Amino acid sequence: MTRLRTLTLLIVVAHWIVAIWHLFLAASVLPAPNNSVSWLAVVLLTLLHGGVSIALWKISDKLIGLVSIIFFLAALSADLYDLNPAHSDL
């Protein structure tokens, strides 16, 4: 594994830690009854980050760069919309 792939792998692991921490942080701030962490979300986040880590070893640099960009943009845009209809008048 090259230095760049090793660095990228460390970034993926750091992102996984921040994403899991964000789930617990968001659960502590949300009003009841939604103030608990969904273990399905934890499992899905772990599987997705694991998939990207495996892809780092198996796929060419250009393709994994594209996959990583798509993955991180999807993660950044995941919380942009509030689906609660009570806030639709804002």
N, C-alpha and C. Protein backbone atom coordinates (compact mmCIF):
# COMPACT_ATOMS: atom_id res chain seq x y z
N MET A 1 0.85 -1.17 0.00
CA MET A 1 0.00 0.00 0.00
C MET A 1 0.89 1.24 0.00
N THR A 2 0.59 2.19 -0.85
CA THR A 2 1.40 3.39 -0.92
C THR A 2 1.09 4.32 0.25
N ARG A 3 1.92 5.33 0.38
CA ARG A 3 1.71 6.30 1.47
C ARG A 3 0.38 7.03 1.32
N LEU A 4 0.03 7.34 0.06
CA LEU A 4 -1.23 8.06 -0.17
C LEU A 4 -2.43 7.20 0.21
N ARG A 5 -2.38 5.92 -0.14
CA ARG A 5 -3.48 5.03 0.24
C ARG A 5 -3.53 4.84 1.76
N THR A 6 -2.39 4.78 2.40
CA THR A 6 -2.37 4.67 3.86
C THR A 6 -2.99 5.91 4.51
N LEU A 7 -2.62 7.07 4.00
CA LEU A 7 -3.20 8.32 4.51
C LEU A 7 -4.71 8.35 4.29
N THR A 8 -5.14 7.92 3.11
CA THR A 8 -6.57 7.88 2.82
C THR A 8 -7.30 6.91 3.74
N LEU A 9 -6.69 5.79 4.02
CA LEU A 9 -7.28 4.83 4.94
C LEU A 9 -7.42 5.42 6.34
N LEU A 10 -6.42 6.17 6.78
CA LEU A 10 -6.51 6.84 8.08
C LEU A 10 -7.62 7.90 8.08
N ILE A 11 -7.81 8.58 6.96
CA ILE A 11 -8.89 9.56 6.86
C ILE A 11 -10.25 8.88 6.94
N VAL A 12 -10.38 7.73 6.29
CA VAL A 12 -11.65 6.99 6.34
C VAL A 12 -11.94 6.54 7.77
N VAL A 13 -10.93 6.05 8.46
CA VAL A 13 -11.12 5.61 9.85
C VAL A 13 -11.48 6.80 10.74
N ALA A 14 -10.80 7.93 10.55
CA ALA A 14 -11.12 9.13 11.33
C ALA A 14 -12.54 9.61 11.03
N HIS A 15 -12.95 9.53 9.77
CA HIS A 15 -14.30 9.93 9.41
C HIS A 15 -15.33 9.01 10.05
N TRP A 16 -15.03 7.73 10.12
CA TRP A 16 -15.94 6.78 10.77
C TRP A 16 -16.11 7.14 12.25
N ILE A 17 -15.01 7.46 12.91
CA ILE A 17 -15.08 7.83 14.33
C ILE A 17 -15.93 9.09 14.51
N VAL A 18 -15.72 10.08 13.68
CA VAL A 18 -16.49 11.32 13.78
C VAL A 18 -17.97 11.07 13.46
N ALA A 19 -18.24 10.22 12.48
CA ALA A 19 -19.64 9.94 12.11
C ALA A 19 -20.38 9.23 13.24
N ILE A 20 -19.73 8.26 13.88
CA ILE A 20 -20.36 7.57 15.02
C ILE A 20 -20.55 8.53 16.18
N TRP A 21 -19.54 9.35 16.45
CA TRP A 21 -19.64 10.34 17.53
C TRP A 21 -20.79 11.31 17.23
N HIS A 22 -20.95 11.69 15.97
CA HIS A 22 -22.02 12.61 15.58
C HIS A 22 -23.39 11.99 15.83
N LEU A 23 -23.53 10.69 15.61
CA LEU A 23 -24.81 10.03 15.89
C LEU A 23 -25.18 10.15 17.37
N PHE A 24 -24.22 9.88 18.23
CA PHE A 24 -24.49 9.98 19.67
C PHE A 24 -24.71 11.43 20.10
N LEU A 25 -23.98 12.35 19.51
CA LEU A 25 -24.16 13.77 19.83
C LEU A 25 -25.54 14.25 19.40
N ALA A 26 -25.95 13.89 18.18
CA ALA A 26 -27.27 14.30 17.69
C ALA A 26 -28.38 13.68 18.53
N ALA A 27 -28.19 12.45 18.98
CA ALA A 27 -29.21 11.80 19.81
C ALA A 27 -29.35 12.48 21.16
N SER A 28 -28.27 13.03 21.67
CA SER A 28 -28.36 13.68 22.98
C SER A 28 -29.00 15.07 22.89
N VAL A 29 -29.02 15.67 21.71
CA VAL A 29 -29.57 17.01 21.55
C VAL A 29 -31.03 16.97 21.12
N LEU A 30 -31.45 15.92 20.43
CA LEU A 30 -32.81 15.85 19.93
C LEU A 30 -33.81 15.70 21.06
N PRO A 31 -34.98 16.30 20.92
CA PRO A 31 -36.01 16.13 21.96
C PRO A 31 -36.57 14.71 21.93
N ALA A 32 -37.12 14.29 23.06
CA ALA A 32 -37.73 12.95 23.16
C ALA A 32 -38.88 12.84 22.18
N PRO A 33 -39.21 11.73 21.64
CA PRO A 33 -38.74 10.36 21.83
C PRO A 33 -37.60 9.98 20.88
N ASN A 34 -37.06 10.92 20.10
CA ASN A 34 -36.02 10.60 19.13
C ASN A 34 -34.61 10.75 19.68
N ASN A 35 -34.44 10.68 20.97
CA ASN A 35 -33.12 10.92 21.53
C ASN A 35 -32.35 9.63 21.81
N SER A 36 -32.47 8.65 20.94
CA SER A 36 -31.70 7.42 21.08
C SER A 36 -31.00 7.13 19.76
N VAL A 37 -29.88 6.44 19.85
CA VAL A 37 -29.08 6.13 18.67
C VAL A 37 -29.65 4.90 17.99
N SER A 38 -29.81 4.99 16.69
CA SER A 38 -30.27 3.85 15.91
C SER A 38 -29.08 2.93 15.65
N TRP A 39 -29.15 1.72 16.16
CA TRP A 39 -28.05 0.78 15.97
C TRP A 39 -27.96 0.33 14.52
N LEU A 40 -29.06 0.42 13.79
CA LEU A 40 -29.00 0.16 12.36
C LEU A 40 -28.10 1.18 11.66
N ALA A 41 -28.19 2.44 12.08
CA ALA A 41 -27.34 3.48 11.50
C ALA A 41 -25.87 3.22 11.82
N VAL A 42 -25.58 2.77 13.03
CA VAL A 42 -24.19 2.45 13.41
C VAL A 42 -23.66 1.31 12.54
N VAL A 43 -24.47 0.29 12.34
CA VAL A 43 -24.05 -0.86 11.53
C VAL A 43 -23.86 -0.43 10.08
N LEU A 44 -24.79 0.36 9.54
CA LEU A 44 -24.66 0.80 8.15
C LEU A 44 -23.44 1.70 7.94
N LEU A 45 -23.20 2.60 8.88
CA LEU A 45 -22.01 3.45 8.77
C LEU A 45 -20.73 2.61 8.81
N THR A 46 -20.71 1.62 9.68
CA THR A 46 -19.53 0.76 9.79
C THR A 46 -19.34 -0.04 8.50
N LEU A 47 -20.42 -0.58 7.94
CA LEU A 47 -20.32 -1.34 6.70
C LEU A 47 -19.86 -0.47 5.54
N LEU A 48 -20.40 0.74 5.43
CA LEU A 48 -20.00 1.63 4.35
C LEU A 48 -18.53 2.04 4.46
N HIS A 49 -18.10 2.39 5.65
CA HIS A 49 -16.70 2.76 5.83
C HIS A 49 -15.78 1.55 5.60
N GLY A 50 -16.23 0.38 6.01
CA GLY A 50 -15.45 -0.83 5.75
C GLY A 50 -15.37 -1.12 4.26
N GLY A 51 -16.47 -0.90 3.55
CA GLY A 51 -16.46 -1.09 2.10
C GLY A 51 -15.51 -0.16 1.39
N VAL A 52 -15.48 1.09 1.82
CA VAL A 52 -14.54 2.04 1.23
C VAL A 52 -13.10 1.65 1.55
N SER A 53 -12.87 1.16 2.76
CA SER A 53 -11.52 0.73 3.13
C SER A 53 -11.06 -0.46 2.28
N ILE A 54 -11.94 -1.40 2.05
CA ILE A 54 -11.61 -2.55 1.19
C ILE A 54 -11.37 -2.09 -0.24
N ALA A 55 -12.20 -1.15 -0.71
CA ALA A 55 -12.03 -0.64 -2.07
C ALA A 55 -10.69 0.06 -2.24
N LEU A 56 -10.18 0.67 -1.18
CA LEU A 56 -8.87 1.31 -1.25
C LEU A 56 -7.77 0.32 -1.62
N TRP A 57 -7.90 -0.92 -1.19
CA TRP A 57 -6.88 -1.92 -1.48
C TRP A 57 -7.04 -2.54 -2.86
N LYS A 58 -8.26 -2.57 -3.38
CA LYS A 58 -8.54 -3.36 -4.57
C LYS A 58 -8.69 -2.55 -5.86
N ILE A 59 -9.05 -1.29 -5.78
CA ILE A 59 -9.42 -0.52 -6.97
C ILE A 59 -8.30 0.46 -7.32
N SER A 60 -8.23 0.86 -8.58
CA SER A 60 -7.21 1.81 -9.02
C SER A 60 -7.38 3.16 -8.34
N ASP A 61 -6.32 3.96 -8.37
CA ASP A 61 -6.33 5.24 -7.67
C ASP A 61 -7.39 6.20 -8.19
N LYS A 62 -7.55 6.30 -9.51
CA LYS A 62 -8.53 7.24 -10.06
C LYS A 62 -9.95 6.83 -9.71
N LEU A 63 -10.24 5.55 -9.80
CA LEU A 63 -11.60 5.09 -9.50
C LEU A 63 -11.91 5.22 -8.02
N ILE A 64 -10.96 4.90 -7.15
CA ILE A 64 -11.22 5.03 -5.71
C ILE A 64 -11.34 6.51 -5.32
N GLY A 65 -10.66 7.39 -6.04
CA GLY A 65 -10.83 8.82 -5.79
C GLY A 65 -12.25 9.26 -6.08
N LEU A 66 -12.80 8.79 -7.18
CA LEU A 66 -14.18 9.11 -7.54
C LEU A 66 -15.16 8.51 -6.53
N VAL A 67 -14.93 7.26 -6.14
CA VAL A 67 -15.80 6.61 -5.16
C VAL A 67 -15.74 7.35 -3.82
N SER A 68 -14.55 7.76 -3.42
CA SER A 68 -14.39 8.48 -2.15
C SER A 68 -15.09 9.82 -2.17
N ILE A 69 -14.98 10.53 -3.29
CA ILE A 69 -15.65 11.83 -3.39
C ILE A 69 -17.16 11.66 -3.29
N ILE A 70 -17.70 10.68 -4.00
CA ILE A 70 -19.14 10.43 -3.94
C ILE A 70 -19.56 10.06 -2.52
N PHE A 71 -18.78 9.19 -1.87
CA PHE A 71 -19.08 8.74 -0.51
C PHE A 71 -19.08 9.91 0.47
N PHE A 72 -18.05 10.77 0.42
CA PHE A 72 -17.97 11.87 1.37
C PHE A 72 -19.01 12.96 1.07
N LEU A 73 -19.33 13.20 -0.20
CA LEU A 73 -20.38 14.16 -0.52
C LEU A 73 -21.75 13.66 -0.05
N ALA A 74 -21.97 12.37 -0.17
CA ALA A 74 -23.23 11.81 0.34
C ALA A 74 -23.30 11.94 1.86
N ALA A 75 -22.18 11.73 2.52
CA ALA A 75 -22.15 11.86 3.98
C ALA A 75 -22.37 13.31 4.39
N LEU A 76 -21.80 14.25 3.65
CA LEU A 76 -21.98 15.66 3.98
C LEU A 76 -23.41 16.13 3.76
N SER A 77 -24.08 15.58 2.76
CA SER A 77 -25.42 16.04 2.44
C SER A 77 -26.51 15.24 3.15
N ALA A 78 -26.16 14.28 3.97
CA ALA A 78 -27.15 13.39 4.58
C ALA A 78 -28.10 14.12 5.53
N ASP A 79 -27.64 15.14 6.21
CA ASP A 79 -28.47 15.82 7.21
C ASP A 79 -28.96 17.19 6.75
N LEU A 80 -28.97 17.46 5.47
CA LEU A 80 -29.34 18.78 4.99
C LEU A 80 -30.84 19.05 5.04
N TYR A 81 -31.64 18.02 4.93
CA TYR A 81 -33.09 18.20 4.86
C TYR A 81 -33.76 17.69 6.12
N ASP A 82 -34.68 18.49 6.63
CA ASP A 82 -35.48 18.09 7.78
C ASP A 82 -36.81 17.58 7.25
N LEU A 83 -37.10 16.33 7.50
CA LEU A 83 -38.32 15.73 6.97
C LEU A 83 -39.51 15.88 7.90
N ASN A 84 -39.35 16.64 8.97
CA ASN A 84 -40.42 16.85 9.91
C ASN A 84 -41.41 17.87 9.34
N PRO A 85 -42.67 17.48 9.10
CA PRO A 85 -43.64 18.40 8.50
C PRO A 85 -43.98 19.58 9.40
N ALA A 86 -43.70 19.50 10.69
CA ALA A 86 -44.01 20.61 11.60
C ALA A 86 -43.12 21.82 11.29
N HIS A 87 -41.97 21.60 10.66
CA HIS A 87 -41.06 22.69 10.35
C HIS A 87 -41.16 23.14 8.90
N SER A 88 -42.20 22.73 8.20
CA SER A 88 -42.31 23.05 6.78
C SER A 88 -42.64 24.52 6.54
N ASP A 89 -43.10 25.25 7.54
CA ASP A 89 -43.45 26.65 7.35
C ASP A 89 -42.25 27.58 7.54
N LEU A 90 -41.08 27.04 7.83
CA LEU A 90 -39.90 27.88 8.04
C LEU A 90 -39.33 28.38 6.74
